[in-house]
Amino acid sequence: TMLVVIVIALIYLILLHRVLDRLRMDKKTALILIAAIYVGGFIPSLPLGGGLALNIGGMGIPLGICAYLIIRTPDREERWRGPLTALAAAVLVWSLDRLLPVSPGSLGYEFDPLYLPALAAGLIAYLLGRSRRAAFIGGVGSIFLMDLSSWLENIVRGFKDIPVILGGGGIFDAALIAGVVGALLAELIGEIAERLRGGPNEGERD
């Protein structure tokens, strides 16, 4: 069992490096970011007040990467595509979480909530503009927004003592996983669509 966990972790790290590389970061920068995310996951989370805290590796650095991608995007329209994907994915997942039944045997019970934001981000990003960048930002951002909504919901209900740690899982947090899977999914959908059309799509974006 431990061997399987190690293999899965290594595959995930390889995919993370691939995604960062496809987002036009050089290999050295990608490796430094992965190391920083890993180490940052062990640093005590920064308290933000009201029971909310931020894990540097699990959410701080991924959000920093998202901000960097948005700032470095030359296309003004593309700058809005990532945040819009994050918002749309968060709203979609939040709605499905409340609409789908969660009784044993139902779709809402069987579907792993870890991958739903990633699937939503990948699909929405492709529909909005076939963008790996938007899919990564959408995956990370949707988890960030949903965690914030959970914290706000606790505050409204008077549960101020329930802690919410943004990115508490470190390098294996749902936010980063959603970003990686979302970007890979957008790329996969683009390649499949390209093969079906019989040629490259000029509208494909990074």
N, C-alpha and C. Protein backbone atom coordinates (compact mmCIF):
# COMPACT_ATOMS: atom_id res chain seq x y z
N THR A 1 0.83 -1.21 0.00
CA THR A 1 0.00 0.00 0.00
C THR A 1 0.87 1.26 0.00
N MET A 2 1.91 1.26 0.80
CA MET A 2 2.81 2.41 0.86
C MET A 2 3.48 2.66 -0.48
N LEU A 3 3.84 1.57 -1.18
CA LEU A 3 4.47 1.70 -2.49
C LEU A 3 3.52 2.36 -3.49
N VAL A 4 2.25 1.98 -3.42
CA VAL A 4 1.25 2.58 -4.31
C VAL A 4 1.12 4.07 -4.04
N VAL A 5 1.09 4.43 -2.77
CA VAL A 5 0.99 5.85 -2.39
C VAL A 5 2.19 6.64 -2.91
N ILE A 6 3.38 6.05 -2.78
CA ILE A 6 4.60 6.72 -3.24
C ILE A 6 4.57 6.91 -4.76
N VAL A 7 4.15 5.86 -5.47
CA VAL A 7 4.08 5.93 -6.93
C VAL A 7 3.09 7.00 -7.38
N ILE A 8 1.91 7.03 -6.73
CA ILE A 8 0.89 8.03 -7.07
C ILE A 8 1.42 9.44 -6.80
N ALA A 9 2.12 9.60 -5.66
CA ALA A 9 2.68 10.91 -5.32
C ALA A 9 3.71 11.36 -6.35
N LEU A 10 4.56 10.43 -6.80
CA LEU A 10 5.57 10.76 -7.80
C LEU A 10 4.93 11.14 -9.14
N ILE A 11 3.90 10.39 -9.53
CA ILE A 11 3.19 10.70 -10.77
C ILE A 11 2.57 12.10 -10.70
N TYR A 12 1.99 12.40 -9.54
CA TYR A 12 1.37 13.71 -9.35
C TYR A 12 2.41 14.83 -9.45
N LEU A 13 3.58 14.63 -8.84
CA LEU A 13 4.63 15.65 -8.90
C LEU A 13 5.14 15.83 -10.32
N ILE A 14 5.23 14.73 -11.07
CA ILE A 14 5.64 14.82 -12.48
C ILE A 14 4.62 15.61 -13.29
N LEU A 15 3.34 15.33 -13.04
CA LEU A 15 2.28 16.05 -13.74
C LEU A 15 2.27 17.53 -13.36
N LEU A 16 2.53 17.81 -12.08
CA LEU A 16 2.60 19.20 -11.62
C LEU A 16 3.72 19.94 -12.36
N HIS A 17 4.87 19.29 -12.47
CA HIS A 17 6.00 19.90 -13.19
C HIS A 17 5.65 20.11 -14.66
N ARG A 18 4.96 19.14 -15.26
CA ARG A 18 4.56 19.26 -16.67
C ARG A 18 3.62 20.45 -16.88
N VAL A 19 2.66 20.59 -15.96
CA VAL A 19 1.70 21.69 -16.09
C VAL A 19 2.41 23.04 -15.98
N LEU A 20 3.29 23.18 -14.99
CA LEU A 20 4.03 24.43 -14.84
C LEU A 20 4.88 24.71 -16.07
N ASP A 21 5.46 23.65 -16.63
CA ASP A 21 6.28 23.79 -17.83
C ASP A 21 5.42 24.24 -19.02
N ARG A 22 4.22 23.68 -19.14
CA ARG A 22 3.33 24.05 -20.25
C ARG A 22 2.75 25.46 -20.07
N LEU A 23 2.83 25.96 -18.84
CA LEU A 23 2.39 27.34 -18.59
C LEU A 23 3.54 28.33 -18.83
N ARG A 24 4.54 27.85 -19.56
CA ARG A 24 5.68 28.67 -20.00
C ARG A 24 6.58 29.12 -18.86
N MET A 25 6.77 28.23 -17.90
CA MET A 25 7.78 28.45 -16.88
C MET A 25 8.94 27.51 -17.19
N ASP A 26 10.17 28.01 -17.10
CA ASP A 26 11.29 27.14 -17.40
C ASP A 26 11.41 26.05 -16.34
N LYS A 27 12.14 24.99 -16.68
CA LYS A 27 12.21 23.81 -15.81
C LYS A 27 12.78 24.14 -14.43
N LYS A 28 13.78 25.03 -14.39
CA LYS A 28 14.38 25.39 -13.11
C LYS A 28 13.38 26.11 -12.21
N THR A 29 12.65 27.05 -12.80
CA THR A 29 11.64 27.78 -12.03
C THR A 29 10.55 26.85 -11.53
N ALA A 30 10.13 25.92 -12.39
CA ALA A 30 9.09 24.96 -12.01
C ALA A 30 9.55 24.10 -10.84
N LEU A 31 10.79 23.64 -10.88
CA LEU A 31 11.32 22.81 -9.79
C LEU A 31 11.42 23.61 -8.49
N ILE A 32 11.85 24.86 -8.59
CA ILE A 32 11.95 25.72 -7.41
C ILE A 32 10.57 25.94 -6.80
N LEU A 33 9.57 26.17 -7.64
CA LEU A 33 8.21 26.37 -7.15
C LEU A 33 7.67 25.12 -6.47
N ILE A 34 7.92 23.96 -7.07
CA ILE A 34 7.46 22.71 -6.46
C ILE A 34 8.11 22.50 -5.10
N ALA A 35 9.43 22.78 -5.02
CA ALA A 35 10.13 22.65 -3.74
C ALA A 35 9.58 23.64 -2.71
N ALA A 36 9.30 24.86 -3.16
CA ALA A 36 8.76 25.88 -2.25
C ALA A 36 7.38 25.50 -1.75
N ILE A 37 6.55 24.94 -2.65
CA ILE A 37 5.21 24.50 -2.25
C ILE A 37 5.31 23.38 -1.23
N TYR A 38 6.23 22.44 -1.48
CA TYR A 38 6.39 21.31 -0.56
C TYR A 38 6.84 21.78 0.82
N VAL A 39 7.88 22.61 0.85
CA VAL A 39 8.40 23.11 2.14
C VAL A 39 7.36 24.01 2.81
N GLY A 40 6.71 24.84 2.01
CA GLY A 40 5.71 25.76 2.56
C GLY A 40 4.55 25.06 3.21
N GLY A 41 4.28 23.81 2.78
CA GLY A 41 3.19 23.05 3.37
C GLY A 41 3.43 22.70 4.83
N PHE A 42 4.71 22.69 5.24
CA PHE A 42 5.06 22.34 6.62
C PHE A 42 5.19 23.56 7.52
N ILE A 43 5.17 24.74 6.92
CA ILE A 43 5.23 25.96 7.72
C ILE A 43 3.88 26.19 8.39
N PRO A 44 3.86 26.56 9.66
CA PRO A 44 2.58 26.82 10.33
C PRO A 44 1.73 27.81 9.55
N SER A 45 0.45 27.50 9.43
CA SER A 45 -0.46 28.34 8.66
C SER A 45 -0.57 29.73 9.28
N LEU A 46 -0.70 30.73 8.41
CA LEU A 46 -0.80 32.11 8.87
C LEU A 46 -2.23 32.42 9.28
N PRO A 47 -2.47 32.81 10.54
CA PRO A 47 -3.83 33.16 10.96
C PRO A 47 -4.28 34.47 10.33
N LEU A 48 -5.48 34.47 9.76
CA LEU A 48 -6.02 35.66 9.12
C LEU A 48 -7.15 36.28 9.91
N GLY A 49 -7.51 35.63 11.03
CA GLY A 49 -8.58 36.14 11.87
C GLY A 49 -9.89 35.43 11.65
N GLY A 50 -10.69 35.36 12.70
CA GLY A 50 -12.01 34.75 12.61
C GLY A 50 -11.99 33.26 12.35
N GLY A 51 -10.90 32.59 12.70
CA GLY A 51 -10.80 31.16 12.47
C GLY A 51 -10.26 30.80 11.10
N LEU A 52 -9.95 31.80 10.28
CA LEU A 52 -9.43 31.57 8.93
C LEU A 52 -7.90 31.63 8.95
N ALA A 53 -7.27 30.68 8.27
CA ALA A 53 -5.81 30.63 8.21
C ALA A 53 -5.38 30.26 6.79
N LEU A 54 -4.14 30.61 6.44
CA LEU A 54 -3.61 30.37 5.10
C LEU A 54 -2.35 29.53 5.18
N ASN A 55 -2.35 28.40 4.48
CA ASN A 55 -1.15 27.58 4.38
C ASN A 55 -0.33 28.08 3.20
N ILE A 56 0.94 28.40 3.45
CA ILE A 56 1.79 28.99 2.42
C ILE A 56 1.94 28.07 1.21
N GLY A 57 2.24 26.79 1.47
CA GLY A 57 2.47 25.87 0.37
C GLY A 57 1.21 25.45 -0.35
N GLY A 58 0.16 25.21 0.41
CA GLY A 58 -1.07 24.68 -0.18
C GLY A 58 -1.92 25.71 -0.90
N MET A 59 -1.84 26.98 -0.47
CA MET A 59 -2.69 27.99 -1.09
C MET A 59 -1.94 29.28 -1.42
N GLY A 60 -1.03 29.70 -0.55
CA GLY A 60 -0.33 30.96 -0.77
C GLY A 60 0.45 30.99 -2.07
N ILE A 61 1.33 30.01 -2.26
CA ILE A 61 2.15 29.96 -3.48
C ILE A 61 1.31 29.68 -4.72
N PRO A 62 0.36 28.71 -4.67
CA PRO A 62 -0.51 28.52 -5.85
C PRO A 62 -1.26 29.78 -6.26
N LEU A 63 -1.76 30.55 -5.28
CA LEU A 63 -2.43 31.81 -5.61
C LEU A 63 -1.44 32.81 -6.22
N GLY A 64 -0.20 32.77 -5.72
CA GLY A 64 0.84 33.63 -6.28
C GLY A 64 1.13 33.27 -7.73
N ILE A 65 1.15 31.96 -8.03
CA ILE A 65 1.35 31.51 -9.41
C ILE A 65 0.21 32.00 -10.29
N CYS A 66 -1.01 31.90 -9.77
CA CYS A 66 -2.18 32.37 -10.53
C CYS A 66 -2.07 33.87 -10.81
N ALA A 67 -1.68 34.64 -9.80
CA ALA A 67 -1.53 36.09 -9.98
C ALA A 67 -0.46 36.39 -11.02
N TYR A 68 0.64 35.63 -10.98
CA TYR A 68 1.73 35.81 -11.95
C TYR A 68 1.24 35.53 -13.37
N LEU A 69 0.47 34.45 -13.52
CA LEU A 69 -0.04 34.08 -14.85
C LEU A 69 -0.98 35.16 -15.39
N ILE A 70 -1.79 35.73 -14.50
CA ILE A 70 -2.73 36.78 -14.92
C ILE A 70 -1.97 38.04 -15.33
N ILE A 71 -0.99 38.44 -14.52
CA ILE A 71 -0.23 39.66 -14.79
C ILE A 71 0.59 39.53 -16.07
N ARG A 72 1.16 38.33 -16.30
CA ARG A 72 2.03 38.13 -17.46
C ARG A 72 1.27 37.88 -18.76
N THR A 73 -0.04 37.78 -18.68
CA THR A 73 -0.83 37.54 -19.88
C THR A 73 -0.94 38.83 -20.70
N PRO A 74 -0.47 38.82 -21.95
CA PRO A 74 -0.52 40.04 -22.76
C PRO A 74 -1.94 40.39 -23.23
N ASP A 75 -2.77 39.37 -23.38
CA ASP A 75 -4.13 39.58 -23.88
C ASP A 75 -5.05 39.99 -22.73
N ARG A 76 -5.67 41.15 -22.86
CA ARG A 76 -6.55 41.65 -21.79
C ARG A 76 -7.74 40.72 -21.57
N GLU A 77 -8.28 40.19 -22.65
CA GLU A 77 -9.41 39.26 -22.53
C GLU A 77 -9.01 38.00 -21.79
N GLU A 78 -7.78 37.52 -22.05
CA GLU A 78 -7.30 36.31 -21.39
C GLU A 78 -7.12 36.53 -19.89
N ARG A 79 -6.82 37.75 -19.48
CA ARG A 79 -6.63 38.04 -18.06
C ARG A 79 -7.90 37.80 -17.26
N TRP A 80 -9.05 38.03 -17.91
CA TRP A 80 -10.32 37.83 -17.21
C TRP A 80 -10.78 36.38 -17.29
N ARG A 81 -10.22 35.62 -18.22
CA ARG A 81 -10.72 34.26 -18.45
C ARG A 81 -10.45 33.35 -17.24
N GLY A 82 -9.27 33.47 -16.62
CA GLY A 82 -8.94 32.64 -15.47
C GLY A 82 -9.84 32.91 -14.27
N PRO A 83 -9.92 34.18 -13.79
CA PRO A 83 -10.82 34.48 -12.68
C PRO A 83 -12.27 34.14 -12.97
N LEU A 84 -12.71 34.36 -14.21
CA LEU A 84 -14.08 34.02 -14.58
C LEU A 84 -14.31 32.51 -14.51
N THR A 85 -13.30 31.74 -14.94
CA THR A 85 -13.39 30.28 -14.84
C THR A 85 -13.48 29.84 -13.39
N ALA A 86 -12.67 30.47 -12.52
CA ALA A 86 -12.70 30.13 -11.10
C ALA A 86 -14.07 30.41 -10.49
N LEU A 87 -14.63 31.57 -10.81
CA LEU A 87 -15.94 31.93 -10.27
C LEU A 87 -17.02 30.99 -10.78
N ALA A 88 -17.01 30.72 -12.09
CA ALA A 88 -18.02 29.85 -12.68
C ALA A 88 -17.92 28.43 -12.13
N ALA A 89 -16.69 27.92 -11.99
CA ALA A 89 -16.50 26.57 -11.46
C ALA A 89 -16.95 26.49 -10.01
N ALA A 90 -16.63 27.52 -9.22
CA ALA A 90 -17.03 27.52 -7.81
C ALA A 90 -18.55 27.54 -7.67
N VAL A 91 -19.21 28.37 -8.48
CA VAL A 91 -20.68 28.44 -8.44
C VAL A 91 -21.29 27.11 -8.87
N LEU A 92 -20.73 26.50 -9.91
CA LEU A 92 -21.25 25.22 -10.41
C LEU A 92 -21.10 24.13 -9.36
N VAL A 93 -19.91 24.02 -8.77
CA VAL A 93 -19.67 22.97 -7.77
C VAL A 93 -20.50 23.22 -6.52
N TRP A 94 -20.59 24.48 -6.10
CA TRP A 94 -21.41 24.83 -4.93
C TRP A 94 -22.86 24.45 -5.17
N SER A 95 -23.36 24.71 -6.37
CA SER A 95 -24.75 24.38 -6.70
C SER A 95 -24.97 22.88 -6.73
N LEU A 96 -24.05 22.14 -7.36
CA LEU A 96 -24.19 20.69 -7.44
C LEU A 96 -24.12 20.05 -6.06
N ASP A 97 -23.27 20.65 -5.20
CA ASP A 97 -23.12 20.12 -3.85
C ASP A 97 -24.43 20.19 -3.07
N ARG A 98 -25.26 21.16 -3.41
CA ARG A 98 -26.53 21.32 -2.70
C ARG A 98 -27.71 20.71 -3.43
N LEU A 99 -27.54 20.45 -4.72
CA LEU A 99 -28.64 19.88 -5.50
C LEU A 99 -28.59 18.36 -5.59
N LEU A 100 -27.36 17.81 -5.69
CA LEU A 100 -27.24 16.37 -5.82
C LEU A 100 -27.53 15.68 -4.49
N PRO A 101 -28.26 14.56 -4.51
CA PRO A 101 -28.50 13.81 -3.27
C PRO A 101 -27.22 13.16 -2.79
N VAL A 102 -27.08 13.04 -1.48
CA VAL A 102 -25.86 12.46 -0.91
C VAL A 102 -26.13 11.16 -0.17
N SER A 103 -27.24 10.53 -0.47
CA SER A 103 -27.54 9.24 0.15
C SER A 103 -26.69 8.15 -0.49
N PRO A 104 -26.36 7.07 0.24
CA PRO A 104 -25.55 5.98 -0.32
C PRO A 104 -26.14 5.45 -1.62
N GLY A 105 -25.27 5.33 -2.63
CA GLY A 105 -25.71 4.82 -3.93
C GLY A 105 -26.06 5.91 -4.92
N SER A 106 -26.22 7.15 -4.46
CA SER A 106 -26.56 8.25 -5.36
C SER A 106 -25.29 8.80 -6.01
N LEU A 107 -25.46 9.57 -7.09
CA LEU A 107 -24.32 10.16 -7.80
C LEU A 107 -23.55 11.11 -6.90
N GLY A 108 -24.26 11.92 -6.13
CA GLY A 108 -23.60 12.86 -5.25
C GLY A 108 -22.79 12.19 -4.15
N TYR A 109 -23.21 10.97 -3.78
CA TYR A 109 -22.50 10.23 -2.73
C TYR A 109 -21.25 9.55 -3.30
N GLU A 110 -21.38 9.02 -4.52
CA GLU A 110 -20.30 8.23 -5.10
C GLU A 110 -19.20 9.09 -5.71
N PHE A 111 -19.54 10.29 -6.19
CA PHE A 111 -18.56 11.12 -6.89
C PHE A 111 -17.62 11.79 -5.90
N ASP A 112 -16.32 11.64 -6.11
CA ASP A 112 -15.33 12.22 -5.22
C ASP A 112 -15.31 13.74 -5.39
N PRO A 113 -15.64 14.51 -4.34
CA PRO A 113 -15.69 15.97 -4.46
C PRO A 113 -14.34 16.59 -4.76
N LEU A 114 -13.26 15.83 -4.59
CA LEU A 114 -11.93 16.36 -4.85
C LEU A 114 -11.74 16.71 -6.32
N TYR A 115 -12.37 15.93 -7.20
CA TYR A 115 -12.13 16.10 -8.63
C TYR A 115 -13.19 16.95 -9.33
N LEU A 116 -14.30 17.20 -8.67
CA LEU A 116 -15.37 17.97 -9.32
C LEU A 116 -14.93 19.38 -9.70
N PRO A 117 -14.25 20.13 -8.82
CA PRO A 117 -13.78 21.47 -9.22
C PRO A 117 -12.82 21.41 -10.40
N ALA A 118 -11.95 20.39 -10.42
CA ALA A 118 -10.99 20.25 -11.52
C ALA A 118 -11.71 20.00 -12.84
N LEU A 119 -12.69 19.09 -12.81
CA LEU A 119 -13.46 18.80 -14.02
C LEU A 119 -14.21 20.04 -14.50
N ALA A 120 -14.82 20.75 -13.55
CA ALA A 120 -15.56 21.96 -13.90
C ALA A 120 -14.63 23.01 -14.49
N ALA A 121 -13.46 23.20 -13.87
CA ALA A 121 -12.52 24.21 -14.35
C ALA A 121 -12.00 23.86 -15.73
N GLY A 122 -11.66 22.59 -15.94
CA GLY A 122 -11.15 22.17 -17.24
C GLY A 122 -12.16 22.36 -18.34
N LEU A 123 -13.39 21.96 -18.10
CA LEU A 123 -14.45 22.08 -19.11
C LEU A 123 -14.80 23.54 -19.38
N ILE A 124 -14.97 24.32 -18.31
CA ILE A 124 -15.34 25.73 -18.47
C ILE A 124 -14.22 26.51 -19.17
N ALA A 125 -12.97 26.24 -18.78
CA ALA A 125 -11.84 26.93 -19.41
C ALA A 125 -11.76 26.61 -20.89
N TYR A 126 -12.04 25.36 -21.25
CA TYR A 126 -12.00 25.00 -22.67
C TYR A 126 -13.12 25.70 -23.43
N LEU A 127 -14.30 25.72 -22.83
CA LEU A 127 -15.44 26.35 -23.50
C LEU A 127 -15.24 27.86 -23.65
N LEU A 128 -14.58 28.48 -22.66
CA LEU A 128 -14.37 29.92 -22.71
C LEU A 128 -13.25 30.33 -23.66
N GLY A 129 -12.33 29.41 -23.93
CA GLY A 129 -11.24 29.82 -24.81
C GLY A 129 -10.12 28.82 -24.96
N ARG A 130 -10.34 27.56 -24.59
CA ARG A 130 -9.35 26.50 -24.79
C ARG A 130 -8.02 26.89 -24.16
N SER A 131 -8.04 27.25 -22.89
CA SER A 131 -6.86 27.79 -22.24
C SER A 131 -6.42 26.95 -21.05
N ARG A 132 -5.18 26.43 -21.10
CA ARG A 132 -4.62 25.71 -19.95
C ARG A 132 -4.42 26.66 -18.78
N ARG A 133 -4.01 27.89 -19.11
CA ARG A 133 -3.78 28.90 -18.07
C ARG A 133 -5.06 29.16 -17.29
N ALA A 134 -6.16 29.36 -18.01
CA ALA A 134 -7.44 29.63 -17.35
C ALA A 134 -7.91 28.43 -16.55
N ALA A 135 -7.63 27.22 -17.05
CA ALA A 135 -8.03 26.01 -16.34
C ALA A 135 -7.28 25.87 -15.02
N PHE A 136 -5.97 26.16 -15.03
CA PHE A 136 -5.18 26.08 -13.80
C PHE A 136 -5.67 27.11 -12.79
N ILE A 137 -5.83 28.35 -13.26
CA ILE A 137 -6.32 29.42 -12.38
C ILE A 137 -7.72 29.08 -11.87
N GLY A 138 -8.55 28.54 -12.76
CA GLY A 138 -9.91 28.18 -12.37
C GLY A 138 -9.95 27.08 -11.33
N GLY A 139 -9.08 26.08 -11.48
CA GLY A 139 -9.05 24.99 -10.51
C GLY A 139 -8.63 25.47 -9.13
N VAL A 140 -7.51 26.21 -9.07
CA VAL A 140 -7.02 26.73 -7.79
C VAL A 140 -8.01 27.73 -7.21
N GLY A 141 -8.46 28.64 -8.06
CA GLY A 141 -9.35 29.70 -7.60
C GLY A 141 -10.70 29.21 -7.12
N SER A 142 -11.23 28.17 -7.77
CA SER A 142 -12.55 27.66 -7.36
C SER A 142 -12.49 27.05 -5.96
N ILE A 143 -11.41 26.32 -5.67
CA ILE A 143 -11.25 25.76 -4.32
C ILE A 143 -11.09 26.89 -3.30
N PHE A 144 -10.32 27.90 -3.65
CA PHE A 144 -10.12 29.05 -2.77
C PHE A 144 -11.46 29.73 -2.46
N LEU A 145 -12.26 29.94 -3.49
CA LEU A 145 -13.56 30.60 -3.30
C LEU A 145 -14.52 29.73 -2.49
N MET A 146 -14.49 28.42 -2.72
CA MET A 146 -15.38 27.53 -1.96
C MET A 146 -14.97 27.44 -0.50
N ASP A 147 -13.66 27.43 -0.24
CA ASP A 147 -13.20 27.43 1.15
C ASP A 147 -13.61 28.73 1.85
N LEU A 148 -13.49 29.84 1.12
CA LEU A 148 -13.91 31.12 1.69
C LEU A 148 -15.41 31.14 1.97
N SER A 149 -16.19 30.56 1.06
CA SER A 149 -17.64 30.52 1.26
C SER A 149 -18.00 29.66 2.47
N SER A 150 -17.24 28.57 2.67
CA SER A 150 -17.48 27.72 3.85
C SER A 150 -17.19 28.49 5.13
N TRP A 151 -16.10 29.26 5.11
CA TRP A 151 -15.74 30.06 6.28
C TRP A 151 -16.81 31.13 6.55
N LEU A 152 -17.25 31.81 5.50
CA LEU A 152 -18.29 32.84 5.66
C LEU A 152 -19.60 32.23 6.15
N GLU A 153 -19.91 31.04 5.66
CA GLU A 153 -21.12 30.35 6.11
C GLU A 153 -21.04 30.03 7.59
N ASN A 154 -19.85 29.62 8.05
CA ASN A 154 -19.67 29.35 9.48
C ASN A 154 -19.86 30.63 10.30
N ILE A 155 -19.32 31.73 9.79
CA ILE A 155 -19.45 33.01 10.49
C ILE A 155 -20.91 33.42 10.60
N VAL A 156 -21.63 33.31 9.49
CA VAL A 156 -23.05 33.70 9.47
C VAL A 156 -23.86 32.85 10.43
N ARG A 157 -23.54 31.58 10.53
CA ARG A 157 -24.28 30.67 11.40
C ARG A 157 -23.82 30.75 12.85
N GLY A 158 -22.80 31.54 13.10
CA GLY A 158 -22.33 31.71 14.47
C GLY A 158 -21.30 30.71 14.92
N PHE A 159 -20.76 29.90 13.96
CA PHE A 159 -19.76 28.90 14.31
C PHE A 159 -18.36 29.49 14.12
N LYS A 160 -18.03 30.45 14.96
CA LYS A 160 -16.76 31.16 14.80
C LYS A 160 -15.56 30.35 15.29
N ASP A 161 -15.81 29.28 16.03
CA ASP A 161 -14.71 28.49 16.57
C ASP A 161 -14.27 27.37 15.63
N ILE A 162 -14.95 27.21 14.50
CA ILE A 162 -14.57 26.16 13.55
C ILE A 162 -13.48 26.71 12.62
N PRO A 163 -12.24 26.18 12.70
CA PRO A 163 -11.16 26.72 11.87
C PRO A 163 -11.29 26.28 10.41
N VAL A 164 -10.93 27.16 9.52
CA VAL A 164 -10.87 26.86 8.09
C VAL A 164 -9.47 27.25 7.61
N ILE A 165 -8.72 26.24 7.17
CA ILE A 165 -7.35 26.48 6.71
C ILE A 165 -7.32 26.42 5.19
N LEU A 166 -7.02 27.53 4.56
CA LEU A 166 -6.91 27.58 3.11
C LEU A 166 -5.64 26.86 2.67
N GLY A 167 -5.79 25.78 1.90
CA GLY A 167 -4.62 25.03 1.43
C GLY A 167 -3.98 24.18 2.51
N GLY A 168 -4.77 23.71 3.46
CA GLY A 168 -4.23 22.95 4.58
C GLY A 168 -3.55 21.65 4.21
N GLY A 169 -3.80 21.14 3.00
CA GLY A 169 -3.19 19.88 2.57
C GLY A 169 -1.81 20.04 1.98
N GLY A 170 -1.27 21.27 1.98
CA GLY A 170 0.07 21.48 1.43
C GLY A 170 0.12 21.20 -0.06
N ILE A 171 1.19 20.55 -0.49
CA ILE A 171 1.38 20.29 -1.92
C ILE A 171 0.32 19.33 -2.47
N PHE A 172 -0.32 18.57 -1.57
CA PHE A 172 -1.36 17.64 -1.99
C PHE A 172 -2.76 18.18 -1.66
N ASP A 173 -2.86 19.50 -1.51
CA ASP A 173 -4.16 20.10 -1.21
C ASP A 173 -5.05 20.06 -2.45
N ALA A 174 -6.35 20.10 -2.20
CA ALA A 174 -7.33 20.02 -3.29
C ALA A 174 -7.16 21.16 -4.29
N ALA A 175 -6.72 22.34 -3.82
CA ALA A 175 -6.59 23.50 -4.72
C ALA A 175 -5.56 23.24 -5.81
N LEU A 176 -4.39 22.76 -5.40
CA LEU A 176 -3.33 22.52 -6.38
C LEU A 176 -3.68 21.34 -7.28
N ILE A 177 -4.27 20.30 -6.69
CA ILE A 177 -4.69 19.15 -7.49
C ILE A 177 -5.72 19.58 -8.53
N ALA A 178 -6.67 20.43 -8.12
CA ALA A 178 -7.69 20.91 -9.05
C ALA A 178 -7.06 21.72 -10.18
N GLY A 179 -6.06 22.53 -9.85
CA GLY A 179 -5.37 23.30 -10.89
C GLY A 179 -4.66 22.42 -11.89
N VAL A 180 -3.95 21.41 -11.38
CA VAL A 180 -3.19 20.49 -12.24
C VAL A 180 -4.14 19.68 -13.12
N VAL A 181 -5.14 19.06 -12.51
CA VAL A 181 -6.08 18.23 -13.27
C VAL A 181 -6.87 19.08 -14.26
N GLY A 182 -7.26 20.28 -13.84
CA GLY A 182 -8.01 21.16 -14.74
C GLY A 182 -7.20 21.52 -15.98
N ALA A 183 -5.92 21.86 -15.79
CA ALA A 183 -5.06 22.22 -16.92
C ALA A 183 -4.84 21.03 -17.85
N LEU A 184 -4.61 19.85 -17.27
CA LEU A 184 -4.41 18.65 -18.07
C LEU A 184 -5.68 18.28 -18.83
N LEU A 185 -6.82 18.47 -18.17
CA LEU A 185 -8.09 18.15 -18.82
C LEU A 185 -8.36 19.08 -19.99
N ALA A 186 -8.10 20.37 -19.80
CA ALA A 186 -8.29 21.34 -20.89
C ALA A 186 -7.38 20.99 -22.07
N GLU A 187 -6.15 20.58 -21.76
CA GLU A 187 -5.22 20.18 -22.82
C GLU A 187 -5.70 18.92 -23.53
N LEU A 188 -6.18 17.95 -22.76
CA LEU A 188 -6.67 16.70 -23.33
C LEU A 188 -7.87 16.93 -24.24
N ILE A 189 -8.81 17.74 -23.76
CA ILE A 189 -10.00 18.05 -24.56
C ILE A 189 -9.59 18.74 -25.86
N GLY A 190 -8.63 19.66 -25.76
CA GLY A 190 -8.15 20.36 -26.94
C GLY A 190 -7.52 19.42 -27.96
N GLU A 191 -6.71 18.46 -27.48
CA GLU A 191 -6.06 17.52 -28.38
C GLU A 191 -7.08 16.60 -29.04
N ILE A 192 -8.08 16.15 -28.27
CA ILE A 192 -9.12 15.29 -28.84
C ILE A 192 -9.91 16.04 -29.91
N ALA A 193 -10.28 17.29 -29.59
CA ALA A 193 -11.03 18.10 -30.56
C ALA A 193 -10.20 18.36 -31.81
N GLU A 194 -8.90 18.56 -31.62
CA GLU A 194 -8.00 18.79 -32.75
C GLU A 194 -7.94 17.58 -33.66
N ARG A 195 -7.85 16.40 -33.07
CA ARG A 195 -7.80 15.16 -33.86
C ARG A 195 -9.11 14.93 -34.60
N LEU A 196 -10.21 15.25 -33.94
CA LEU A 196 -11.51 15.06 -34.59
C LEU A 196 -11.68 16.01 -35.77
N ARG A 197 -11.10 17.21 -35.65
CA ARG A 197 -11.20 18.17 -36.75
C ARG A 197 -10.19 17.89 -37.85
N GLY A 198 -9.18 17.09 -37.50
CA GLY A 198 -8.17 16.74 -38.49
C GLY A 198 -7.09 17.77 -38.69
N GLY A 199 -6.93 18.67 -37.73
CA GLY A 199 -5.89 19.69 -37.85
C GLY A 199 -5.78 20.51 -36.60
N PRO A 200 -4.69 21.29 -36.45
CA PRO A 200 -4.51 22.12 -35.25
C PRO A 200 -5.52 23.23 -35.18
N ASN A 201 -5.84 23.61 -33.95
CA ASN A 201 -6.80 24.69 -33.72
C ASN A 201 -6.04 25.98 -33.45
N GLU A 202 -6.22 26.97 -34.32
CA GLU A 202 -5.48 28.22 -34.16
C GLU A 202 -5.94 29.00 -32.94
N GLY A 203 -7.13 28.66 -32.41
CA GLY A 203 -7.64 29.36 -31.24
C GLY A 203 -7.12 28.81 -29.94
N GLU A 204 -6.30 27.75 -30.01
CA GLU A 204 -5.79 27.12 -28.79
C GLU A 204 -4.87 28.08 -28.06
N ARG A 205 -5.02 28.17 -26.75
CA ARG A 205 -4.19 29.07 -25.95
C ARG A 205 -3.43 28.28 -24.91
N ASP A 206 -2.38 28.91 -24.38
CA ASP A 206 -1.58 28.29 -23.32
C ASP A 206 -2.36 28.29 -22.02
